[in-house]
Amino acid sequence: MNISKCISTRLREILYQRKLSIGDLQDLTGQSKGTLTSLLYNRYNAVNLKTVFIILQALNITVLEFFDSDLFVDLNKINLD
């Protein structure tokens, strides 16, 4: 799995847990629905960390909490391409 897929999967997990929609996330972050949809469904080759950090701040999640997931346990096996 590549890093973009790991991040999008983790964000979708969090939205599911909190029962939030893309529209809710758009309201919280001020990011466009297109940007959020593309990020959440891994339509980008690379993830914009600034966008991820905006989302984390809006959801009141620390970076450490975000990366505390089995998706990121063995970073040496994540494809960075």
Protein backbone atom coordinates (compact mmCIF):
# COMPACT_ATOMS: atom_id res chain seq x y z
CA MET A 1 0.00 0.00 0.00
CA ASN A 2 1.35 3.46 -0.76
CA ILE A 3 1.46 6.35 1.70
CA SER A 4 -1.38 8.23 -0.03
CA LYS A 5 -3.65 5.20 0.29
CA CYS A 6 -2.73 4.77 3.97
CA ILE A 7 -3.58 8.41 4.71
CA SER A 8 -6.86 8.33 2.79
CA THR A 9 -7.85 5.08 4.48
CA ARG A 10 -7.06 6.50 7.92
CA LEU A 11 -9.04 9.67 7.26
CA ARG A 12 -12.04 7.65 6.11
CA GLU A 13 -11.81 5.52 9.28
CA ILE A 14 -11.92 8.65 11.43
CA LEU A 15 -14.85 10.14 9.53
CA TYR A 16 -16.74 6.84 9.86
CA GLN A 17 -16.05 6.66 13.60
CA ARG A 18 -17.28 10.21 14.07
CA LYS A 19 -20.23 9.77 11.70
CA LEU A 20 -19.08 12.70 9.57
CA SER A 21 -19.69 13.14 5.85
CA ILE A 22 -17.50 14.84 3.28
CA GLY A 23 -19.94 17.76 3.48
CA ASP A 24 -19.41 17.96 7.24
CA LEU A 25 -15.65 17.90 6.70
CA GLN A 26 -15.96 20.63 4.08
CA ASP A 27 -17.85 22.81 6.57
CA LEU A 28 -15.23 22.19 9.27
CA THR A 29 -12.16 22.77 7.10
CA GLY A 30 -13.20 25.24 4.40
CA GLN A 31 -11.59 22.91 1.85
CA SER A 32 -13.42 22.24 -1.40
CA LYS A 33 -15.53 19.12 -1.71
CA GLY A 34 -13.48 18.11 -4.77
CA THR A 35 -10.21 18.33 -2.85
CA LEU A 36 -11.60 16.34 0.07
CA THR A 37 -13.18 13.70 -2.16
CA SER A 38 -9.96 13.26 -4.10
CA LEU A 39 -7.96 12.95 -0.89
CA LEU A 40 -10.39 10.55 0.78
CA TYR A 41 -10.64 8.29 -2.26
CA ASN A 42 -6.95 8.34 -3.09
CA ARG A 43 -7.25 10.12 -6.43
CA TYR A 44 -3.95 11.95 -5.97
CA ASN A 45 -0.50 10.52 -6.61
CA ALA A 46 0.80 12.50 -3.64
CA VAL A 47 -0.85 13.84 -0.51
CA ASN A 48 -0.63 17.52 0.39
CA LEU A 49 0.38 17.50 4.05
CA LYS A 50 -0.95 21.01 4.57
CA THR A 51 -4.43 19.77 3.63
CA VAL A 52 -4.06 16.78 5.95
CA PHE A 53 -2.97 19.06 8.81
CA ILE A 54 -5.94 21.38 8.17
CA ILE A 55 -8.23 18.36 8.45
CA LEU A 56 -6.54 17.11 11.61
CA GLN A 57 -6.83 20.54 13.24
CA ALA A 58 -10.50 20.80 12.29
CA LEU A 59 -11.14 17.36 13.77
CA ASN A 60 -9.05 18.15 16.85
CA ILE A 61 -6.72 15.20 16.21
CA THR A 62 -3.01 15.34 16.87
CA VAL A 63 -0.54 14.06 14.31
CA LEU A 64 0.49 11.35 16.77
CA GLU A 65 -3.12 10.22 17.19
CA PHE A 66 -3.58 10.14 13.43
CA PHE A 67 -0.53 7.98 12.79
CA ASP A 68 -1.31 5.70 15.74
CA SER A 69 -2.90 3.11 13.47
CA ASP A 70 -2.02 -0.34 12.23
CA LEU A 71 -1.83 1.20 8.76
CA PHE A 72 1.42 2.88 9.75
CA VAL A 73 2.92 0.23 12.06
CA ASP A 74 5.65 -0.85 9.69
CA LEU A 75 6.58 2.29 7.77
CA ASN A 76 9.44 0.44 6.11
CA LYS A 77 6.92 -1.60 4.13
CA ILE A 78 4.84 1.36 2.91
CA ASN A 79 5.44 2.22 -0.72
CA LEU A 80 6.39 5.90 -0.91
CA ASP A 81 5.68 6.13 -4.64
